[in-house]
């Protein structure tokens, strides 16, 4: 009796909501193509246990997003270049986090402040590595936190080096005011981004939070493209104009070291 009940339970897993089921099936399609290299619609449908028309619709959506390609002559599907793009982004994020950890710790120890490494993710800067120096006065954890591009030093350092179309898309949106010092004018921010490229670093003065100032510098990939930013966050009372050159110099130097670790200039 017990075996019979258990068997029934295994044969009838909980039903998933329609949207979740579609996502699950789409991921399974990618796994099927990764396993076989290529597959026809009928083969995909058989492995999914769905009608051919359902498999065709799933493949069509994935093809439109560049995650799947199709051989016109034989009609078979294969993983598209979009998968490589996603995998490359994940690899860069992992690499910069691993390579950046010792650089973060060294810079945090040198300046005594909180240091973060951020990468661009859609319309935000996401912190992937953090180190706190001995003088750090906050226990706030920035890891994994999405911060606005227009109001942070890391965000400005990342946005300044993006293609013009990407920059203008951000500037075309409403720039939320987070503090009384947040830059909300597209024209002003555009000038600031030009200065970032000219000087090689970005500064945010109490634009994300009152009492917090930060400096960031870009981190480059082997081809020279900017793939991240390393920043130093300092309480406003400890980052007066006299100390700014010291923090800028150390931050730019650390960004150069991390860029070399990532293969730039080698």
Protein backbone atom coordinates (compact mmCIF):
# COMPACT_ATOMS: atom_id res chain seq x y z
CA UNK A 1 0.00 0.00 0.00
CA UNK A 2 2.78 2.41 0.95
CA UNK A 3 4.75 1.65 -2.23
CA UNK A 4 1.64 2.30 -4.31
CA UNK A 5 1.04 5.70 -2.72
CA UNK A 6 4.69 6.70 -3.11
CA UNK A 7 4.63 5.66 -6.74
CA UNK A 8 1.58 7.80 -7.39
CA UNK A 9 3.24 10.77 -5.69
CA UNK A 10 6.31 10.45 -7.92
CA UNK A 11 4.19 10.04 -11.06
CA UNK A 12 2.26 13.28 -10.34
CA UNK A 13 4.63 16.12 -9.46
CA UNK A 14 3.03 19.42 -8.43
CA UNK A 15 1.76 21.40 -11.38
CA UNK A 16 3.63 24.59 -12.17
CA UNK A 17 1.96 27.89 -13.06
CA UNK A 18 1.79 28.47 -16.83
CA UNK A 19 4.51 31.13 -16.91
CA UNK A 20 6.88 29.11 -14.76
CA UNK A 21 6.24 26.02 -16.87
CA UNK A 22 7.08 27.91 -20.05
CA UNK A 23 10.35 29.15 -18.55
CA UNK A 24 11.17 25.64 -17.37
CA UNK A 25 10.51 24.24 -20.84
CA UNK A 26 12.59 26.96 -22.52
CA UNK A 27 15.54 26.20 -20.25
CA UNK A 28 15.10 22.49 -20.98
CA UNK A 29 15.22 23.24 -24.71
CA UNK A 30 18.58 24.96 -24.24
CA UNK A 31 19.83 21.98 -22.23
CA UNK A 32 18.68 19.58 -24.97
CA UNK A 33 20.54 21.55 -27.64
CA UNK A 34 23.63 21.80 -25.43
CA UNK A 35 23.57 18.03 -24.96
CA UNK A 36 22.95 17.06 -28.59
CA UNK A 37 24.61 19.93 -30.41
CA UNK A 38 21.60 20.25 -32.69
CA UNK A 39 18.07 18.86 -32.85
CA UNK A 40 14.95 19.02 -35.00
CA UNK A 41 11.59 20.25 -33.70
CA UNK A 42 10.26 16.68 -33.45
CA UNK A 43 13.26 15.61 -31.37
CA UNK A 44 12.85 18.54 -29.01
CA UNK A 45 9.11 17.85 -28.70
CA UNK A 46 9.73 14.20 -27.86
CA UNK A 47 12.23 15.00 -25.11
CA UNK A 48 9.97 17.69 -23.67
CA UNK A 49 6.92 15.46 -23.89
CA UNK A 50 4.90 18.14 -25.68
CA UNK A 51 3.18 18.57 -29.02
CA UNK A 52 5.35 19.60 -31.94
CA UNK A 53 3.58 22.95 -32.22
CA UNK A 54 4.48 23.78 -28.60
CA UNK A 55 8.14 22.93 -29.21
CA UNK A 56 8.07 25.05 -32.38
CA UNK A 57 6.72 28.07 -30.47
CA UNK A 58 9.38 27.70 -27.76
CA UNK A 59 12.15 27.46 -30.34
CA UNK A 60 10.74 30.48 -32.16
CA UNK A 61 10.85 32.65 -29.03
CA UNK A 62 14.41 31.54 -28.24
CA UNK A 63 15.45 32.17 -31.84
CA UNK A 64 14.02 35.70 -31.73
CA UNK A 65 16.16 36.40 -28.66
CA UNK A 66 19.29 35.05 -30.35
CA UNK A 67 19.59 32.12 -27.94
CA UNK A 68 18.86 29.56 -30.66
CA UNK A 69 19.77 29.39 -34.35
CA UNK A 70 18.44 27.24 -37.17
CA UNK A 71 20.14 25.56 -40.09
CA UNK A 72 17.97 26.52 -43.05
CA UNK A 73 18.87 23.50 -45.18
CA UNK A 74 18.21 20.78 -42.60
CA UNK A 75 15.87 22.66 -40.30
CA UNK A 76 17.72 21.65 -37.16
CA UNK A 77 18.25 24.03 -34.25
CA UNK A 78 21.43 24.79 -32.32
CA UNK A 79 22.52 27.13 -29.52
CA UNK A 80 22.83 30.70 -30.78
CA UNK A 81 25.34 33.46 -30.17
CA UNK A 82 23.10 34.94 -27.49
CA UNK A 83 24.06 32.08 -25.19
CA UNK A 84 27.71 32.95 -25.66
CA UNK A 85 26.94 36.57 -24.80
CA UNK A 86 25.26 35.55 -21.56
CA UNK A 87 27.98 33.07 -20.71
CA UNK A 88 30.63 35.68 -21.43
CA UNK A 89 28.95 38.20 -19.14
CA UNK A 90 28.76 35.62 -16.35
CA UNK A 91 32.40 34.68 -16.84
CA UNK A 92 33.51 38.33 -16.72
CA UNK A 93 31.54 38.88 -13.53
CA UNK A 94 33.10 35.82 -11.91
CA UNK A 95 36.62 36.66 -13.11
CA UNK A 96 36.54 40.29 -12.02
CA UNK A 97 35.20 39.27 -8.61
CA UNK A 98 37.94 36.69 -8.08
CA UNK A 99 40.78 38.81 -9.46
CA UNK A 100 39.50 41.92 -7.73
CA UNK A 101 39.29 40.51 -4.19
CA UNK A 102 42.99 41.00 -3.30
CA UNK A 103 43.05 44.41 -5.02
CA UNK A 104 40.02 45.46 -2.98
CA UNK A 105 41.58 44.31 0.27
CA UNK A 106 44.85 46.11 -0.47
CA UNK A 107 43.13 49.39 -1.37
CA UNK A 108 40.84 49.17 1.67
CA UNK A 109 43.85 48.63 3.92
CA UNK A 110 45.77 51.49 2.28
CA UNK A 111 42.99 54.07 2.61
CA UNK A 112 41.15 52.58 5.57
CA UNK A 113 37.82 52.89 3.75
CA UNK A 114 35.19 50.67 2.08
CA UNK A 115 36.08 49.49 -1.43
CA UNK A 116 33.70 47.93 -3.98
CA UNK A 117 33.93 46.53 -7.48
CA UNK A 118 30.85 46.97 -9.64
CA UNK A 119 29.78 45.74 -13.07
CA UNK A 120 27.12 47.05 -15.41
CA UNK A 121 23.87 45.10 -15.35
CA UNK A 122 21.16 46.50 -17.56
CA UNK A 123 20.47 49.99 -16.17
CA UNK A 124 22.32 49.67 -12.86
CA UNK A 125 25.73 49.12 -11.32
CA UNK A 126 25.89 45.89 -9.31
CA UNK A 127 28.54 45.42 -6.64
CA UNK A 128 30.26 42.03 -6.91
CA UNK A 129 33.18 42.43 -4.48
CA UNK A 130 33.64 44.41 -1.28
CA UNK A 131 36.35 45.01 1.32
CA UNK A 132 36.21 47.19 4.42
CA UNK A 133 39.20 49.13 5.72
CA UNK A 134 40.04 49.62 9.40
CA UNK A 135 38.60 53.15 9.44
CA UNK A 136 35.27 52.14 7.91
CA UNK A 137 32.42 53.37 10.12
CA UNK A 138 29.54 51.51 8.49
CA UNK A 139 28.64 47.85 8.50
CA UNK A 140 26.43 48.24 5.42
CA UNK A 141 26.83 45.39 2.95
CA UNK A 142 26.84 46.59 -0.65
CA UNK A 143 27.40 43.15 -2.21
CA UNK A 144 24.79 42.33 -4.82
CA UNK A 145 23.17 45.72 -4.42
CA UNK A 146 21.97 47.46 -7.58
CA UNK A 147 22.80 51.16 -7.50
CA UNK A 148 21.71 53.85 -9.98
CA UNK A 149 24.18 54.80 -12.69
CA UNK A 150 23.55 58.55 -12.46
CA UNK A 151 24.04 58.89 -8.69
CA UNK A 152 27.12 56.77 -7.94
CA UNK A 153 30.79 57.05 -8.82
CA UNK A 154 30.83 53.43 -10.05
CA UNK A 155 27.75 54.03 -12.17
CA UNK A 156 29.27 57.11 -13.80
CA UNK A 157 32.58 55.32 -14.40
CA UNK A 158 30.73 52.47 -16.12
CA UNK A 159 28.27 54.60 -18.08
CA UNK A 160 30.89 57.05 -19.36
CA UNK A 161 32.59 54.37 -21.44
CA UNK A 162 29.51 52.72 -22.91
CA UNK A 163 28.54 53.19 -26.56
CA UNK A 164 26.80 56.49 -27.23
CA UNK A 165 23.45 54.75 -27.81
CA UNK A 166 23.60 53.15 -24.36
CA UNK A 167 24.51 56.44 -22.68
CA UNK A 168 21.75 58.36 -24.44
CA UNK A 169 19.17 55.70 -23.57
CA UNK A 170 19.95 56.24 -19.88
CA UNK A 171 20.00 60.02 -20.24
CA UNK A 172 16.63 59.95 -21.99
CA UNK A 173 14.94 58.49 -18.90
CA UNK A 174 13.91 60.39 -15.82
CA UNK A 175 16.86 60.59 -13.43
CA UNK A 176 15.42 60.13 -9.91
CA UNK A 177 16.49 62.57 -7.21
CA UNK A 178 17.84 60.58 -4.25
CA UNK A 179 19.33 63.50 -2.30
CA UNK A 180 19.45 67.25 -2.73
CA UNK A 181 22.79 66.79 -4.53
CA UNK A 182 21.71 64.13 -7.04
CA UNK A 183 22.29 65.13 -10.67
CA UNK A 184 18.91 64.95 -12.40
CA UNK A 185 19.71 66.99 -15.50
CA UNK A 186 20.64 64.99 -18.59
CA UNK A 187 22.76 67.87 -19.89
CA UNK A 188 24.74 68.15 -16.65
CA UNK A 189 25.25 64.39 -16.42
CA UNK A 190 26.36 64.28 -20.06
CA UNK A 191 29.07 66.84 -19.27
CA UNK A 192 30.12 64.88 -16.18
CA UNK A 193 30.48 61.68 -18.21
CA UNK A 194 32.68 63.50 -20.72
CA UNK A 195 34.88 64.66 -17.83
CA UNK A 196 35.10 61.08 -16.52
CA UNK A 197 36.57 59.94 -19.83
CA UNK A 198 38.91 62.94 -19.91
CA UNK A 199 40.19 62.52 -16.33
CA UNK A 200 39.95 58.74 -15.95
CA UNK A 201 37.88 58.73 -12.77
CA UNK A 202 34.42 59.61 -11.46
CA UNK A 203 33.28 61.32 -8.26
CA UNK A 204 29.93 61.28 -6.49
CA UNK A 205 29.45 63.82 -3.70
CA UNK A 206 26.51 62.82 -1.49
CA UNK A 207 24.41 61.99 -4.55
CA UNK A 208 23.27 58.54 -3.41
CA UNK A 209 23.23 59.17 0.33
CA UNK A 210 23.85 62.32 2.32
CA UNK A 211 27.12 62.07 4.20
CA UNK A 212 28.66 59.65 1.68
CA UNK A 213 31.25 60.56 -0.93
CA UNK A 214 32.88 58.19 -3.41
CA UNK A 215 35.53 57.97 -6.11
CA UNK A 216 35.63 55.31 -8.85
CA UNK A 217 37.89 54.37 -11.76
CA UNK A 218 37.23 52.05 -14.73
CA UNK A 219 38.52 48.48 -15.02
CA UNK A 220 39.38 47.30 -18.52
CA UNK A 221 39.32 44.00 -20.42
CA UNK A 222 42.16 42.86 -22.70
CA UNK A 223 40.59 44.72 -25.65
CA UNK A 224 40.43 47.97 -23.68
CA UNK A 225 36.68 47.93 -23.12
CA UNK A 226 35.45 48.90 -19.66
CA UNK A 227 34.04 45.87 -17.83
CA UNK A 228 33.86 47.17 -14.27
CA UNK A 229 34.64 49.95 -11.85
CA UNK A 230 36.46 49.98 -8.53
CA UNK A 231 35.25 52.55 -6.02
CA UNK A 232 36.14 53.91 -2.58
CA UNK A 233 33.30 55.13 -0.36
CA UNK A 234 34.22 57.62 2.35
CA UNK A 235 32.18 59.53 4.96
CA UNK A 236 31.91 63.14 3.83
CA UNK A 237 33.76 64.47 6.87
CA UNK A 238 36.80 62.32 5.93
CA UNK A 239 36.93 63.26 2.26
CA UNK A 240 37.58 66.96 2.20
CA UNK A 241 39.07 68.60 -0.90
CA UNK A 242 42.59 68.21 0.52
CA UNK A 243 42.31 64.41 0.69
CA UNK A 244 40.57 63.91 -2.66
CA UNK A 245 43.79 63.72 -4.75
CA UNK A 246 45.14 60.96 -2.47
CA UNK A 247 41.98 58.88 -2.81
CA UNK A 248 41.78 59.47 -6.58
CA UNK A 249 45.42 58.46 -7.12
CA UNK A 250 45.07 55.26 -5.08
CA UNK A 251 41.77 54.32 -6.77
CA UNK A 252 43.09 54.86 -10.29
CA UNK A 253 46.19 52.85 -9.44
CA UNK A 254 44.09 49.98 -8.09
CA UNK A 255 41.91 50.04 -11.21
CA UNK A 256 45.06 49.82 -13.33
CA UNK A 257 46.28 46.84 -11.30
CA UNK A 258 42.97 45.04 -11.65
CA UNK A 259 42.90 45.81 -15.39
CA UNK A 260 46.32 44.19 -15.72
CA UNK A 261 45.05 41.16 -13.78
CA UNK A 262 42.17 40.97 -16.27
CA UNK A 263 44.63 40.91 -19.18
CA UNK A 264 44.68 44.55 -20.24
CA UNK A 265 48.05 45.75 -21.50
CA UNK A 266 49.62 42.30 -21.39
